[in-house]
Protein backbone atom coordinates (compact mmCIF):
# COMPACT_ATOMS: atom_id res chain seq x y z
CA MET A 1 -0.22 0.02 0.02
CA ASN A 2 1.52 3.53 -0.58
CA ALA A 3 1.87 6.10 1.95
CA HIS A 4 -1.73 6.52 2.61
CA GLU A 5 -1.41 2.97 4.00
CA SER A 6 -2.66 2.35 7.65
CA THR A 7 -0.33 1.50 10.79
CA HIS A 8 -2.06 -1.54 12.81
CA ALA A 9 1.07 -1.40 15.04
CA SER A 10 -0.05 1.96 16.28
CA ASP A 11 -2.66 3.43 18.66
CA ASP A 12 -3.32 6.54 16.66
CA TRP A 13 -5.87 5.15 14.57
CA ARG A 14 -7.71 3.49 17.60
CA ARG A 15 -10.41 5.55 19.16
CA PRO A 16 -13.42 4.74 21.42
CA PRO A 17 -15.59 2.94 19.08
CA ARG A 18 -17.69 5.74 17.80
CA LEU A 19 -17.51 6.34 14.16
CA LEU A 20 -15.54 9.47 15.27
CA GLY A 21 -15.90 8.06 18.51
CA ARG A 22 -52.80 1.58 18.91
CA TRP A 23 -53.75 4.09 20.62
CA ALA A 24 -57.08 2.82 22.46
CA VAL A 25 -59.84 5.01 24.00
CA GLY A 26 -62.74 3.57 25.55
CA ALA A 27 -66.37 3.47 24.37
CA ALA A 28 -69.67 4.89 25.97
CA VAL A 29 -72.27 2.64 26.04
CA VAL A 30 -75.80 4.63 26.08
CA ALA A 31 -79.19 3.08 26.60
CA VAL A 32 -82.20 4.71 25.13
CA VAL A 33 -85.09 4.52 27.86
CA THR A 34 -88.05 3.23 25.80
CA ALA A 35 -91.81 3.19 26.88
CA PHE A 36 -94.18 1.09 25.11
CA VAL A 37 -98.09 1.55 25.84
CA LEU A 38 -100.52 -0.46 24.36
CA THR A 39 -104.00 0.48 24.69
CA GLY A 40 -107.62 -0.88 23.37
CA CYS A 41 -110.34 1.21 21.17
CA SER A 42 -112.83 3.54 23.17
CA GLY A 43 -116.18 4.21 22.17
CA SER A 44 -119.20 6.23 23.19
CA GLY A 45 -121.09 4.10 25.27
CA GLU A 46 -121.62 1.34 22.66
CA ALA A 47 -119.09 -1.54 22.43
CA GLY A 48 -117.26 -1.36 19.19
CA PRO A 49 -116.71 -4.57 17.21
CA THR A 50 -113.71 -6.72 18.79
CA THR A 51 -111.14 -7.49 16.05
CA ASP A 52 -108.29 -10.07 16.67
CA ASP A 53 -105.96 -6.94 16.71
CA ALA A 54 -107.55 -5.65 19.81
CA LEU A 55 -105.36 -6.61 22.81
CA ASP A 56 -105.85 -5.82 26.44
CA PRO A 57 -103.78 -3.03 27.59
CA SER A 58 -100.45 -4.08 28.62
CA PRO A 59 -98.63 -2.26 31.78
CA THR A 60 -95.77 0.09 30.83
CA VAL A 61 -92.42 -1.53 30.96
CA SER A 62 -89.55 1.00 31.67
CA THR A 63 -86.06 0.26 31.20
CA PRO A 64 -83.10 1.77 33.43
CA ALA A 65 -80.66 4.14 32.11
CA VAL A 66 -77.31 2.90 32.19
CA THR A 67 -74.55 5.12 32.98
CA PRO A 68 -71.98 5.33 30.34
CA THR A 69 -68.54 3.47 31.25
CA VAL A 70 -65.19 5.28 30.11
CA THR A 71 -62.02 2.95 29.64
CA PRO A 72 -59.12 5.08 30.15
CA ALA A 73 -56.41 5.11 27.31
CA PRO A 74 -53.57 2.82 28.56
CA THR A 75 -50.44 4.82 29.14
CA ARG A 76 -47.97 4.14 26.69
CA THR A 77 -43.92 4.54 27.41
CA PRO A 78 -42.46 7.01 24.61
CA SER A 79 -39.82 5.00 22.64
CA PRO A 80 -36.96 6.47 20.76
CA GLN A 81 -37.63 7.19 16.76
CA VAL A 82 -35.85 4.92 14.57
CA THR A 83 -35.46 6.04 11.07
CA GLY A 84 -35.04 3.43 8.08
CA ALA A 85 -31.49 2.74 6.77
CA PRO A 86 -30.23 5.75 4.55
CA LYS A 87 -30.62 5.17 0.82
CA ARG A 88 -28.01 4.21 -1.48
CA PRO A 89 -27.18 7.09 -3.76
CA ALA A 90 -27.10 6.82 -7.40
CA GLY A 91 -24.15 5.94 -9.02
CA MET A 92 -22.53 4.60 -6.22
CA ASN A 93 -21.63 1.13 -7.98
CA ALA A 94 -19.79 2.98 -10.30
CA ASN A 95 -16.20 2.03 -11.50
CA THR A 96 -15.05 5.25 -10.78
CA ALA A 97 -13.51 7.66 -8.20
CA GLU A 98 -16.90 9.03 -7.64
CA GLY A 99 -18.21 5.88 -7.13
CA ALA A 100 -16.01 5.13 -4.49
CA ARG A 101 -16.33 8.48 -2.81
CA LYS A 102 -20.32 8.24 -2.83
CA THR A 103 -19.72 4.44 -1.36
CA ALA A 104 -17.48 6.10 1.60
CA LEU A 105 -19.90 8.54 2.38
CA TYR A 106 -22.92 6.28 2.37
CA PHE A 107 -20.92 3.96 4.78
CA ILE A 108 -20.71 7.04 6.98
CA GLN A 109 -24.31 7.25 6.95
CA LEU A 110 -24.82 3.88 8.39
CA TYR A 111 -23.36 4.12 11.57
CA PRO A 112 -26.14 5.90 13.32
CA TYR A 113 -28.52 3.96 11.99
CA MET A 114 -26.62 0.53 12.99
CA MET A 115 -26.11 2.05 16.54
CA ARG A 116 -29.72 2.71 17.01
CA THR A 117 -31.36 -0.30 15.54
CA GLY A 118 -28.53 -3.23 15.62
CA ASP A 119 -29.26 -3.72 12.32
CA THR A 120 -25.57 -4.85 10.88
CA GLU A 121 -26.76 -5.93 7.54
CA GLU A 122 -25.91 -3.51 4.75
CA TRP A 123 -22.58 -2.54 7.39
CA ASP A 124 -21.47 -5.90 6.70
CA ARG A 125 -21.96 -5.71 3.07
CA LEU A 126 -19.72 -3.13 2.65
CA SER A 127 -17.17 -4.20 4.90
CA VAL A 128 -13.94 -6.26 4.46
CA LYS A 129 -14.43 -7.69 8.16
CA LYS A 130 -11.33 -9.58 8.16
CA GLN A 131 -9.24 -6.63 7.03
CA CYS A 132 -10.99 -3.43 8.49
CA ASP A 133 -10.97 -3.41 12.30
CA PHE A 134 -12.07 -0.38 12.73
CA CYS A 135 -15.54 -1.76 10.79
CA SER A 136 -15.45 -4.97 12.99
CA GLU A 137 -14.98 -3.22 16.34
CA THR A 138 -18.06 -0.70 15.67
CA ARG A 139 -20.11 -3.42 14.25
CA ALA A 140 -19.57 -4.85 17.74
CA ASP A 141 -20.61 -1.98 19.90
CA ALA A 142 -23.77 -1.89 17.96
CA VAL A 143 -24.24 -5.60 18.65
CA LYS A 144 -23.59 -5.14 22.20
CA ILE A 145 -26.12 -2.31 22.58
CA LYS A 146 -29.12 -4.33 21.30
CA LYS A 147 -28.24 -7.47 23.20
CA GLN A 148 -28.13 -5.38 26.38
CA HIS A 149 -31.52 -3.44 25.53
CA GLN A 150 -29.88 -0.21 25.83
CA ILE A 151 -31.13 2.79 23.81
CA PHE A 152 -28.81 4.95 21.36
CA SER A 153 -29.94 8.34 20.40
CA GLY A 154 -28.37 11.46 18.62
CA GLY A 155 -24.87 10.75 16.71
CA SER A 156 -26.03 12.22 13.35
CA ILE A 157 -23.08 12.55 10.92
CA THR A 158 -21.90 14.55 7.92
CA GLY A 159 -18.96 13.79 5.80
CA LYS A 160 -16.91 15.53 3.05
CA VAL A 161 -14.29 14.25 1.27
CA VAL A 162 -11.23 16.49 1.48
CA THR A 163 -8.69 14.41 -0.55
CA THR A 164 -9.03 12.06 -3.29
CA TYR A 165 -5.77 10.05 -3.81
CA ASP A 166 -4.60 8.30 -7.13
CA ARG A 167 -5.91 4.60 -7.41
CA ASP A 168 -4.29 2.23 -5.33
CA ALA A 169 -3.30 -0.60 -8.22
CA LEU A 170 -2.30 -3.51 -5.52
CA TYR A 171 -5.50 -3.06 -3.94
CA ASP A 172 -7.53 -1.68 -6.57
CA ALA A 173 -8.79 0.99 -4.38
CA TYR A 174 -8.97 4.68 -3.87
CA PRO A 175 -7.75 6.05 -0.99
CA LEU A 176 -9.68 9.22 0.49
CA ASP A 177 -9.37 11.52 3.60
CA ILE A 178 -12.85 12.56 4.77
CA ARG A 179 -13.76 15.25 7.19
CA VAL A 180 -16.27 13.58 9.58
CA VAL A 181 -18.46 15.44 12.33
CA GLU A 182 -20.68 13.60 14.53
CA GLN A 183 -23.10 15.26 16.43
CA PRO A 184 -23.60 14.14 20.62
CA SER A 185 -24.89 10.86 21.52
CA ILE A 186 -26.23 9.52 24.62
CA THR A 187 -26.93 5.39 25.17
CA LYS A 188 -28.98 4.54 28.26
CA ASP A 189 -29.93 1.20 29.96
CA ARG A 190 -33.54 0.15 29.82
CA ALA A 191 -34.22 1.82 33.26
CA GLY A 192 -33.31 5.09 31.37
CA LYS A 193 -29.84 5.49 33.03
CA VAL A 194 -26.99 7.03 31.21
CA VAL A 195 -24.24 4.43 30.62
CA LYS A 196 -22.32 6.52 27.86
CA LYS A 197 -22.45 10.00 26.63
CA GLU A 198 -20.35 11.64 23.76
CA GLY A 199 -20.16 14.95 22.91
CA ARG A 200 -19.77 16.72 19.40
CA ASP A 201 -16.48 15.15 17.48
CA GLY A 202 -14.90 16.07 14.13
CA SER A 203 -12.07 13.90 12.81
CA ILE A 204 -10.38 13.32 9.42
CA LEU A 205 -10.80 9.60 8.53
CA ALA A 206 -8.67 7.80 5.83
CA PHE A 207 -10.67 5.25 3.72
CA GLU A 208 -9.22 2.82 1.59
CA VAL A 209 -12.33 1.82 -0.97
CA MET A 210 -11.48 -1.47 -2.54
CA ARG A 211 -13.34 -2.20 -5.85
CA VAL A 212 -15.08 -5.33 -6.18
CA LYS A 213 -17.52 -7.13 -8.71
CA ASN A 214 -20.21 -4.63 -9.54
CA GLY A 215 -19.57 -2.40 -6.50
CA TRP A 216 -17.10 -1.17 -3.67
CA LYS A 217 -16.01 -2.28 0.12
CA ILE A 218 -14.35 -0.44 2.50
CA LEU A 219 -11.22 -2.21 2.83
CA GLU A 220 -10.03 0.12 6.10
CA VAL A 221 -10.58 3.22 7.96
CA VAL A 222 -7.89 4.87 9.94
CA TYR A 223 -8.14 7.80 11.99
CA GLN A 224 -5.99 10.77 11.08
CA GLY A 225 -6.80 13.41 13.48
CA ASP A 226 -8.85 15.84 14.98
CA ALA A 227 -10.65 18.18 12.57
């Protein structure tokens, strides 16, 4: 690898495992009081003809009113909003430097999503896990948070490519320097207790984006310094 090559023996690139670091309501039951009064025919002194429809008067029947009952809506504990995984940008798989840059920036955007959800599928698809220690360690943190039922919030990320180097013929890869800014994040346990808190962080990360069949993979990510 060229001068952009990472130094695994050094601790400079190792950092804390950040990328930089129905509703229900009650129903009211309403009863209608109904009185039915059935009476016979009345005449003027002489009895009128009797028909089959002439019935003896029936007593008045009254149905007592029912007090409406309201079932209170259950109390729900708010849960953190989880947005979907970011969409792949158009042209990301192009066999060009621009395709490599789009892949690296997309990979960065996957970080907060993976940390919130524990969904590592897309991260794994883009990582060369045996080579990229950063990729593996960050993934392990996301899996741990999910396994321990913790909640990660915040940590939104922006990235900007500041340098694109010549294509590395040995690895068929593009080395890139990317300025990454991560907003504050907080991790809480299931009881709501804060277990980890990180402030805003800005760094320069060196990416090695390697060409594979029909796309790119992240071969390596190395911390270069604060930005």
